Amino acid sequence: MKSLKFIIDLPFRFVFALIGFTFFGFIGWAGIVLMTLRIIGVIHWPWWIAALPLEYGVLYCLYMTIDGALYRAGRKNIGGYARSTADPRHVALAEVEQKLRKLSEGERK
């Protein structure tokens, strides 16, 4: 049941990340503005160039969704970027949770 919830949760995480990236971030709004300018004919760039910020957002959110899923599954440690940008207390808590998860998996075997 837990693995089923884990798999069902992934598309929701991706969609919420993509919405957050697109509407609450600078790069997302730059993509929206460029696409709007392309649609109304102010700029005459190819579509794929005008949509580059939005394409980057899709790839970034897909990567971060997969990366987060691997971390939650216990297959990956905390990355260097997350370690450097997070509060040290959160990093310590995440490390403890990961050790407890590994211990509980060891008991099940």
Protein backbone atom coordinates (compact mmCIF):
# COMPACT_ATOMS: atom_id res chain seq x y z
CA MET A 1 0.00 0.00 0.00
CA LYS A 2 2.84 2.36 0.84
CA SER A 3 4.53 1.85 -2.54
CA LEU A 4 1.22 2.43 -4.35
CA LYS A 5 0.76 5.74 -2.53
CA PHE A 6 4.36 6.60 -3.38
CA ILE A 7 3.77 6.01 -7.11
CA ILE A 8 0.44 7.84 -7.20
CA ASP A 9 2.01 10.79 -5.38
CA LEU A 10 4.67 11.43 -8.06
CA PRO A 11 2.48 13.04 -10.77
CA PHE A 12 0.90 15.34 -8.19
CA ARG A 13 4.31 16.44 -6.94
CA PHE A 14 5.42 17.10 -10.53
CA VAL A 15 2.34 19.16 -11.40
CA PHE A 16 2.55 21.23 -8.20
CA ALA A 17 6.27 21.84 -8.79
CA LEU A 18 5.62 22.88 -12.38
CA ILE A 19 2.85 25.28 -11.37
CA GLY A 20 5.07 26.76 -8.69
CA PHE A 21 7.98 27.11 -11.11
CA THR A 22 5.86 28.67 -13.84
CA PHE A 23 3.72 31.10 -11.87
CA PHE A 24 5.86 31.89 -8.82
CA GLY A 25 9.31 32.08 -10.39
CA PHE A 26 11.14 34.57 -12.56
CA ILE A 27 12.05 32.07 -15.28
CA GLY A 28 8.45 30.89 -15.58
CA TRP A 29 7.15 34.42 -15.96
CA ALA A 30 9.88 35.17 -18.52
CA GLY A 31 8.62 32.20 -20.52
CA ILE A 32 5.02 33.38 -20.27
CA VAL A 33 5.99 36.89 -21.41
CA LEU A 34 8.06 35.57 -24.32
CA MET A 35 5.26 33.28 -25.47
CA THR A 36 2.74 36.12 -25.22
CA LEU A 37 5.01 38.40 -27.25
CA ARG A 38 5.43 35.62 -29.84
CA ILE A 39 1.67 35.02 -30.07
CA ILE A 40 0.80 38.68 -30.59
CA GLY A 41 3.63 39.09 -33.11
CA VAL A 42 5.94 41.50 -31.29
CA ILE A 43 8.89 39.12 -31.59
CA HIS A 44 9.42 36.81 -34.54
CA TRP A 45 11.53 34.11 -32.93
CA PRO A 46 10.88 30.45 -33.58
CA TRP A 47 8.42 28.88 -31.13
CA TRP A 48 11.00 26.63 -29.54
CA ILE A 49 13.24 29.60 -28.67
CA ALA A 50 10.39 31.63 -27.20
CA ALA A 51 9.34 28.62 -25.12
CA LEU A 52 12.83 27.76 -23.84
CA PRO A 53 12.21 29.01 -20.27
CA LEU A 54 9.06 26.89 -20.04
CA GLU A 55 10.82 23.87 -21.54
CA TYR A 56 13.59 24.29 -18.97
CA GLY A 57 10.94 24.39 -16.24
CA VAL A 58 9.45 21.08 -17.34
CA LEU A 59 12.85 19.38 -17.41
CA TYR A 60 13.90 20.88 -14.08
CA CYS A 61 10.67 19.86 -12.33
CA LEU A 62 10.90 16.36 -13.80
CA TYR A 63 14.48 16.01 -12.56
CA MET A 64 13.64 17.32 -9.10
CA THR A 65 10.59 15.04 -8.84
CA ILE A 66 12.71 12.00 -9.68
CA ASP A 67 15.48 13.15 -7.35
CA GLY A 68 13.04 13.66 -4.49
CA ALA A 69 11.45 10.27 -5.12
CA LEU A 70 14.83 8.57 -4.97
CA TYR A 71 15.61 10.35 -1.71
CA ARG A 72 12.25 9.43 -0.15
CA ALA A 73 12.78 5.82 -1.25
CA GLY A 74 16.13 5.79 0.53
CA ARG A 75 18.12 5.25 -2.68
CA LYS A 76 19.93 8.60 -2.53
CA ASN A 77 21.60 10.69 0.13
CA ILE A 78 21.14 14.41 0.61
CA GLY A 79 22.84 16.23 -2.26
CA GLY A 80 25.45 18.94 -1.94
CA TYR A 81 23.14 21.70 -3.17
CA ALA A 82 20.40 20.76 -0.71
CA ARG A 83 22.96 20.54 2.08
CA SER A 84 24.40 23.98 1.31
CA THR A 85 21.05 25.76 0.96
CA ALA A 86 19.14 24.12 3.79
CA ASP A 87 19.13 24.95 7.47
CA PRO A 88 21.65 22.68 9.25
CA ARG A 89 18.88 21.49 11.59
CA HIS A 90 16.81 20.29 8.62
CA VAL A 91 19.82 18.48 7.17
CA ALA A 92 20.49 16.77 10.53
CA LEU A 93 16.83 15.78 10.83
CA ALA A 94 16.82 14.36 7.30
CA GLU A 95 19.96 12.34 8.04
CA VAL A 96 18.40 10.92 11.20
CA GLU A 97 15.20 10.02 9.34
CA GLN A 98 17.22 8.29 6.64
CA LYS A 99 19.18 6.27 9.23
CA LEU A 100 15.96 5.26 10.96
CA ARG A 101 14.49 4.21 7.62
CA LYS A 102 17.53 2.05 6.90
CA LEU A 103 17.30 0.47 10.37
CA SER A 104 13.61 -0.33 9.94
CA GLU A 105 14.31 -1.87 6.52
CA GLY A 106 17.05 -4.00 8.10
CA GLU A 107 14.63 -5.30 10.74
CA ARG A 108 12.11 -6.34 8.08
CA LYS A 109 14.65 -8.54 6.28
